[in-house]
């Protein structure tokens, strides 16, 4: 029986969000940026350190609430801003900045400033907002090189002769004895190529990444047999979390290359997902070869480190301070831990294969 064809993920945001004021990293950078400008502006006209501190304190008392109002308003209007064009988002950000400047000036008036500079405050607020939004846009564009690098690395992995030839040889060996298994194996290989060659996309769901990893590990399961002991512990309530595409497969591939291949006795590989509050946790754990086991010749490449650094960088670009990544050895195991925020509006239920919550041999 032929299985449904695996389609590349189509889950992307309706349009590019120029600035996400709900992001903790954006909030922190916005506050620090405005405070730096305020501290610099307070130097003008200050004849002593005390005068500078007094002036900065007065300006901070007005600008900090204004900055927080800008962030809170932009965060509340996140989805409305997302429906706008990029130019519209720029204009909305500047307009909100001008209103925040007027709010800051109102704070100065409340404090007791005799002649509050209303027009100057509005212009300054709009200008600071424009500079901040521009900085965030330039930072977001840094995502493109990282995605391109990851995509090229993934394409190389897909067509690497070592992986491709082993898969084809295994399928050929199964054609007469177990034709159904050979067909399934070739379908998995075809799906991996189809995914890698699909049109670029900025985000995908954890459910799609899990399915892709399952296709890859299904192929490797045929190759290693009992040497590869798979365990899936999946919490589907966390599977609508957004991830950069082609993220999990390089991690499970590393587990195969550095855990299963060098070990004569084989290795255990566990993929676990969990929802904890408003965070999705992903754990990839594989056992390492024992000290007495014979390892293959030392590899000169540093593929494992490159893949881990690439994953960390791409997560940081997508989720900033809201996401986290760690990897390292612990008691004979190599543990990768990823934490990403869950979207407030979950996507449609995932179509994760039915064997996802069972142990494999």
Protein backbone atom coordinates (compact mmCIF):
# COMPACT_ATOMS: atom_id res chain seq x y z
CA UNK A 1 0.00 0.00 0.00
CA UNK A 2 1.41 3.34 -1.03
CA UNK A 3 1.67 5.93 1.71
CA UNK A 4 0.58 9.54 1.31
CA UNK A 5 3.22 11.73 -0.28
CA UNK A 6 5.00 13.96 2.20
CA UNK A 7 4.51 17.60 1.26
CA UNK A 8 7.01 20.28 2.19
CA UNK A 9 5.75 22.55 4.98
CA UNK A 10 3.56 25.38 3.85
CA UNK A 11 3.19 27.00 7.25
CA UNK A 12 4.50 30.51 6.92
CA UNK A 13 3.39 33.81 8.35
CA UNK A 14 0.92 35.69 6.13
CA UNK A 15 3.50 38.42 5.58
CA UNK A 16 6.83 39.51 6.92
CA UNK A 17 6.51 41.18 10.30
CA UNK A 18 8.93 44.10 10.31
CA UNK A 19 9.19 44.31 14.08
CA UNK A 20 7.80 41.96 16.73
CA UNK A 21 7.44 44.07 19.87
CA UNK A 22 6.25 41.01 21.81
CA UNK A 23 9.73 39.53 21.56
CA UNK A 24 11.70 39.86 24.80
CA UNK A 25 14.90 40.60 22.90
CA UNK A 26 13.22 43.42 20.96
CA UNK A 27 11.88 44.92 24.18
CA UNK A 28 15.28 44.85 25.84
CA UNK A 29 17.04 46.34 22.82
CA UNK A 30 14.42 49.06 22.45
CA UNK A 31 14.73 50.17 26.07
CA UNK A 32 18.54 50.11 25.99
CA UNK A 33 18.63 51.98 22.68
CA UNK A 34 16.35 54.76 23.89
CA UNK A 35 18.24 55.04 27.17
CA UNK A 36 21.54 55.32 25.30
CA UNK A 37 20.12 58.16 23.18
CA UNK A 38 18.76 59.87 26.30
CA UNK A 39 22.10 59.56 28.08
CA UNK A 40 23.86 61.08 25.08
CA UNK A 41 21.33 63.92 24.73
CA UNK A 42 21.66 64.73 28.44
CA UNK A 43 25.34 65.52 27.92
CA UNK A 44 24.42 68.65 25.96
CA UNK A 45 24.20 71.60 28.31
CA UNK A 46 25.50 69.64 31.32
CA UNK A 47 28.47 71.38 32.92
CA UNK A 48 29.12 68.72 35.54
CA UNK A 49 28.49 65.06 36.25
CA UNK A 50 25.76 65.99 38.72
CA UNK A 51 23.93 68.10 36.15
CA UNK A 52 24.20 65.27 33.62
CA UNK A 53 22.77 62.74 36.09
CA UNK A 54 19.95 65.11 37.04
CA UNK A 55 19.08 65.80 33.40
CA UNK A 56 19.26 62.11 32.49
CA UNK A 57 17.03 61.18 35.43
CA UNK A 58 14.41 63.70 34.34
CA UNK A 59 14.49 62.54 30.72
CA UNK A 60 14.43 58.87 31.75
CA UNK A 61 11.36 59.45 33.93
CA UNK A 62 9.55 60.63 30.80
CA UNK A 63 11.11 58.48 28.06
CA UNK A 64 10.94 55.10 29.77
CA UNK A 65 7.12 55.11 30.15
CA UNK A 66 6.87 56.38 26.57
CA UNK A 67 9.06 53.54 25.32
CA UNK A 68 7.02 50.97 27.24
CA UNK A 69 3.80 52.42 25.82
CA UNK A 70 5.23 52.09 22.30
CA UNK A 71 6.19 48.47 22.92
CA UNK A 72 2.92 47.49 24.58
CA UNK A 73 0.83 49.13 21.85
CA UNK A 74 2.90 47.57 19.05
CA UNK A 75 2.67 44.16 20.73
CA UNK A 76 -1.11 44.47 21.14
CA UNK A 77 -1.46 45.38 17.46
CA UNK A 78 0.94 42.67 16.28
CA UNK A 79 -1.52 40.80 14.07
CA UNK A 80 -3.04 43.98 12.67
CA UNK A 81 0.44 45.22 11.74
CA UNK A 82 1.24 41.87 10.14
CA UNK A 83 -1.58 42.36 7.65
CA UNK A 84 -0.05 45.62 6.42
CA UNK A 85 2.55 46.06 3.75
CA UNK A 86 6.14 46.68 4.81
CA UNK A 87 5.74 50.42 4.13
CA UNK A 88 2.56 50.46 6.17
CA UNK A 89 4.33 48.78 9.08
CA UNK A 90 7.11 51.37 8.91
CA UNK A 91 4.60 54.23 8.95
CA UNK A 92 2.64 52.64 11.79
CA UNK A 93 5.82 52.23 13.83
CA UNK A 94 6.81 55.86 13.29
CA UNK A 95 3.30 57.09 14.11
CA UNK A 96 3.25 55.03 17.31
CA UNK A 97 6.67 56.48 18.13
CA UNK A 98 5.37 60.02 17.69
CA UNK A 99 2.42 59.26 19.98
CA UNK A 100 4.80 57.73 22.52
CA UNK A 101 6.87 60.93 22.32
CA UNK A 102 3.77 62.98 23.10
CA UNK A 103 3.05 60.67 26.03
CA UNK A 104 6.61 61.21 27.29
CA UNK A 105 6.15 64.97 26.98
CA UNK A 106 2.92 64.68 28.95
CA UNK A 107 4.93 62.97 31.68
CA UNK A 108 7.34 65.93 31.69
CA UNK A 109 4.37 68.27 32.00
CA UNK A 110 3.00 66.19 34.86
CA UNK A 111 6.37 66.32 36.62
CA UNK A 112 6.19 70.11 36.47
CA UNK A 113 8.12 71.28 33.40
CA UNK A 114 6.88 74.77 32.63
CA UNK A 115 7.13 74.65 28.84
CA UNK A 116 6.94 71.04 27.65
CA UNK A 117 8.33 70.60 24.10
CA UNK A 118 5.34 68.89 22.49
CA UNK A 119 6.42 69.14 18.86
CA UNK A 120 10.06 68.24 19.56
CA UNK A 121 8.95 65.24 21.64
CA UNK A 122 6.67 63.95 18.87
CA UNK A 123 9.38 64.33 16.22
CA UNK A 124 12.00 62.72 18.48
CA UNK A 125 9.68 59.80 19.27
CA UNK A 126 8.97 59.20 15.60
CA UNK A 127 12.65 59.42 14.71
CA UNK A 128 13.72 57.01 17.44
CA UNK A 129 10.98 54.59 16.37
CA UNK A 130 12.14 54.80 12.75
CA UNK A 131 15.75 54.11 13.75
CA UNK A 132 14.72 51.20 15.97
CA UNK A 133 12.50 49.62 13.30
CA UNK A 134 15.28 50.00 10.72
CA UNK A 135 17.75 48.30 13.05
CA UNK A 136 15.32 45.41 13.57
CA UNK A 137 14.78 45.05 9.83
CA UNK A 138 18.54 44.92 9.21
CA UNK A 139 18.86 42.29 11.92
CA UNK A 140 16.03 40.22 10.43
CA UNK A 141 17.76 40.27 7.05
CA UNK A 142 20.66 38.49 8.69
CA UNK A 143 18.39 35.47 8.77
CA UNK A 144 18.72 35.01 5.01
CA UNK A 145 22.42 34.04 4.89
CA UNK A 146 21.93 31.61 7.77
CA UNK A 147 18.97 29.96 6.04
CA UNK A 148 20.92 29.78 2.77
CA UNK A 149 23.90 28.18 4.47
CA UNK A 150 21.69 25.65 6.21
CA UNK A 151 19.87 24.88 2.98
CA UNK A 152 23.11 24.27 1.06
CA UNK A 153 24.43 22.08 3.86
CA UNK A 154 21.20 20.10 3.86
CA UNK A 155 21.27 19.61 0.10
CA UNK A 156 24.84 18.33 0.37
CA UNK A 157 23.72 15.95 3.09
CA UNK A 158 20.87 14.68 0.94
CA UNK A 159 23.08 13.86 -2.03
CA UNK A 160 26.12 12.73 -0.05
CA UNK A 161 27.25 9.53 -1.77
CA UNK A 162 27.73 7.76 1.56
CA UNK A 163 24.07 8.19 2.52
CA UNK A 164 22.61 7.86 -0.96
CA UNK A 165 24.53 4.71 -1.94
CA UNK A 166 23.83 2.99 1.36
CA UNK A 167 20.13 3.71 0.96
CA UNK A 168 20.01 2.44 -2.63
CA UNK A 169 22.06 -0.66 -1.79
CA UNK A 170 19.79 -1.45 1.13
CA UNK A 171 16.71 -1.03 -1.08
CA UNK A 172 18.18 -3.27 -3.77
CA UNK A 173 18.92 -5.96 -1.18
CA UNK A 174 15.31 -5.81 0.03
CA UNK A 175 13.59 -5.84 -3.38
CA UNK A 176 13.27 -9.63 -3.64
CA UNK A 177 13.01 -10.55 0.03
CA UNK A 178 10.84 -7.68 1.27
CA UNK A 179 9.57 -5.59 -1.66
CA UNK A 180 7.12 -3.60 0.49
CA UNK A 181 9.93 -2.47 2.80
CA UNK A 182 12.11 -1.56 -0.18
CA UNK A 183 9.28 0.53 -1.64
CA UNK A 184 8.79 2.31 1.68
CA UNK A 185 12.50 3.03 1.90
CA UNK A 186 12.61 4.55 -1.58
CA UNK A 187 9.51 6.63 -0.82
CA UNK A 188 11.24 8.01 2.27
CA UNK A 189 14.31 8.85 0.22
CA UNK A 190 12.14 10.55 -2.39
CA UNK A 191 10.41 12.60 0.30
CA UNK A 192 13.76 13.76 1.68
CA UNK A 193 14.84 14.96 -1.74
CA UNK A 194 11.46 16.62 -2.34
CA UNK A 195 11.74 18.49 0.96
CA UNK A 196 15.30 19.66 0.30
CA UNK A 197 14.49 20.84 -3.23
CA UNK A 198 11.25 22.62 -2.30
CA UNK A 199 10.84 26.37 -2.52
CA UNK A 200 12.48 28.22 0.38
CA UNK A 201 10.28 29.01 3.35
CA UNK A 202 11.07 30.95 6.52
CA UNK A 203 9.37 28.78 9.12
CA UNK A 204 7.90 25.34 9.56
CA UNK A 205 6.13 23.55 12.40
CA UNK A 206 7.60 21.12 14.87
CA UNK A 207 5.15 18.52 13.53
CA UNK A 208 6.65 18.80 10.02
CA UNK A 209 10.18 18.60 11.38
CA UNK A 210 9.29 15.50 13.40
CA UNK A 211 7.84 13.85 10.30
CA UNK A 212 10.95 14.64 8.27
CA UNK A 213 13.18 13.21 11.01
CA UNK A 214 11.03 10.07 11.08
CA UNK A 215 11.49 9.58 7.33
CA UNK A 216 15.26 9.92 7.68
CA UNK A 217 15.45 7.55 10.67
CA UNK A 218 13.22 5.01 8.93
CA UNK A 219 15.90 4.73 6.26
CA UNK A 220 18.70 4.47 8.79
CA UNK A 221 16.72 1.86 10.75
CA UNK A 222 16.85 -0.47 7.76
CA UNK A 223 20.58 0.13 7.44
CA UNK A 224 21.53 -0.43 11.09
CA UNK A 225 18.78 -2.80 12.15
CA UNK A 226 19.02 -3.72 15.84
CA UNK A 227 22.03 -1.44 16.32
CA UNK A 228 19.72 1.56 16.14
CA UNK A 229 17.22 1.58 19.01
CA UNK A 230 14.69 4.38 18.47
CA UNK A 231 12.35 5.81 21.04
CA UNK A 232 9.75 8.52 20.35
CA UNK A 233 8.01 10.37 23.17
CA UNK A 234 5.95 13.03 21.46
CA UNK A 235 3.53 15.57 22.91
CA UNK A 236 1.38 16.72 20.00
CA UNK A 237 0.13 19.74 21.95
CA UNK A 238 3.59 21.27 21.38
CA UNK A 239 3.82 20.47 17.67
CA UNK A 240 2.43 23.77 16.37
CA UNK A 241 5.55 25.57 17.59
CA UNK A 242 7.47 27.34 14.82
CA UNK A 243 11.02 26.33 13.89
CA UNK A 244 13.45 27.23 11.14
CA UNK A 245 13.15 24.58 8.39
CA UNK A 246 15.61 21.69 8.20
CA UNK A 247 16.47 21.95 11.89
CA UNK A 248 15.85 18.56 13.51
CA UNK A 249 17.12 16.27 10.75
CA UNK A 250 20.77 17.45 11.01
CA UNK A 251 20.59 16.83 14.76
CA UNK A 252 19.35 13.24 14.44
CA UNK A 253 21.89 12.72 11.64
CA UNK A 254 24.62 13.81 14.05
CA UNK A 255 23.30 11.30 16.56
CA UNK A 256 23.61 8.56 13.93
CA UNK A 257 27.10 9.57 12.81
CA UNK A 258 28.58 10.09 16.27
CA UNK A 259 26.54 7.60 18.29
CA UNK A 260 25.46 4.65 16.16
CA UNK A 261 28.15 4.42 13.45
CA UNK A 262 31.19 4.35 15.78
CA UNK A 263 29.62 1.82 18.15
CA UNK A 264 29.88 -1.90 17.47
CA UNK A 265 27.04 -2.59 19.91
CA UNK A 266 24.77 0.11 18.51
CA UNK A 267 23.17 3.07 20.21
CA UNK A 268 19.92 4.31 21.65
CA UNK A 269 18.34 7.43 20.19
CA UNK A 270 15.46 9.18 21.87
CA UNK A 271 13.45 12.09 20.47
CA UNK A 272 11.17 13.69 23.03
CA UNK A 273 8.84 16.69 22.77
CA UNK A 274 6.93 18.29 25.60
CA UNK A 275 4.74 21.29 26.22
CA UNK A 276 5.66 23.19 29.36
CA UNK A 277 3.53 26.27 29.86
CA UNK A 278 3.89 28.41 26.75
CA UNK A 279 7.13 26.73 25.68
CA UNK A 280 7.76 23.68 23.50
CA UNK A 281 10.70 21.57 24.68
CA UNK A 282 12.59 19.26 22.33
CA UNK A 283 15.15 16.73 23.55
CA UNK A 284 17.35 14.60 21.30
CA UNK A 285 19.37 12.12 23.35
CA UNK A 286 21.73 9.46 22.04
CA UNK A 287 24.11 7.11 23.82
CA UNK A 288 27.81 7.37 23.01
CA UNK A 289 30.22 4.51 22.28
CA UNK A 290 31.77 2.96 25.36
CA UNK A 291 35.43 3.66 26.07
CA UNK A 292 36.46 0.12 25.13
CA UNK A 293 34.57 -0.01 21.86
CA UNK A 294 36.49 0.31 18.63
CA UNK A 295 35.84 3.61 16.91
CA UNK A 296 36.40 4.32 13.24
CA UNK A 297 39.37 6.43 12.18
CA UNK A 298 39.30 9.94 13.52
CA UNK A 299 37.40 12.20 11.17
CA UNK A 300 39.15 15.43 10.27
CA UNK A 301 35.89 17.28 9.72
CA UNK A 302 34.04 19.21 12.41
CA UNK A 303 30.59 18.58 11.03
CA UNK A 304 29.02 18.01 14.42
CA UNK A 305 30.15 21.37 15.80
CA UNK A 306 29.17 23.22 12.62
CA UNK A 307 25.68 21.71 12.65
CA UNK A 308 25.14 22.58 16.32
CA UNK A 309 26.33 26.15 15.87
CA UNK A 310 24.12 26.53 12.80
CA UNK A 311 21.07 25.31 14.72
CA UNK A 312 21.81 27.67 17.60
CA UNK A 313 22.28 30.67 15.30
CA UNK A 314 19.09 30.01 13.32
CA UNK A 315 17.02 29.57 16.50
CA UNK A 316 18.40 32.84 17.82
CA UNK A 317 17.49 34.66 14.60
CA UNK A 318 13.93 33.32 14.67
CA UNK A 319 13.09 33.45 18.38
CA UNK A 320 15.82 35.67 19.86
CA UNK A 321 15.76 35.54 23.68
CA UNK A 322 12.49 33.58 23.69
CA UNK A 323 14.27 30.45 22.47
CA UNK A 324 17.18 28.49 23.90
CA UNK A 325 19.57 25.79 22.73
CA UNK A 326 22.08 23.64 24.58
CA UNK A 327 24.08 20.54 23.68
CA UNK A 328 26.69 18.48 25.45
CA UNK A 329 27.70 15.15 26.96
CA UNK A 330 26.19 13.95 30.22
CA UNK A 331 26.87 10.54 31.81
CA UNK A 332 27.65 8.77 28.54
CA UNK A 333 24.82 10.47 26.65
CA UNK A 334 24.84 13.34 24.20
CA UNK A 335 21.88 15.58 24.98
CA UNK A 336 20.47 18.34 22.77
CA UNK A 337 17.82 20.53 24.36
CA UNK A 338 15.76 23.11 22.46
CA UNK A 339 13.13 25.42 23.88
CA UNK A 340 10.93 27.59 21.65
CA UNK A 341 7.80 29.65 22.35
CA UNK A 342 4.38 28.40 21.33
CA UNK A 343 2.31 30.60 19.05
CA UNK A 344 -0.87 32.02 20.67
CA UNK A 345 -2.91 30.78 17.72
CA UNK A 346 -2.03 27.13 17.06
CA UNK A 347 -2.11 25.82 13.52
CA UNK A 348 -4.24 22.96 12.28
CA UNK A 349 -3.73 19.54 13.91
CA UNK A 350 -0.62 17.82 12.66
CA UNK A 351 -0.61 14.62 10.68
CA UNK A 352 2.18 12.95 12.60
CA UNK A 353 2.43 9.26 11.68
CA UNK A 354 0.66 6.88 14.04
CA UNK A 355 3.89 5.16 15.14
CA UNK A 356 5.20 8.39 16.68
CA UNK A 357 4.55 7.42 20.32
CA UNK A 358 5.87 3.88 20.18
CA UNK A 359 9.29 2.44 20.80
CA UNK A 360 11.05 1.01 17.75
CA UNK A 361 12.65 -2.31 18.43
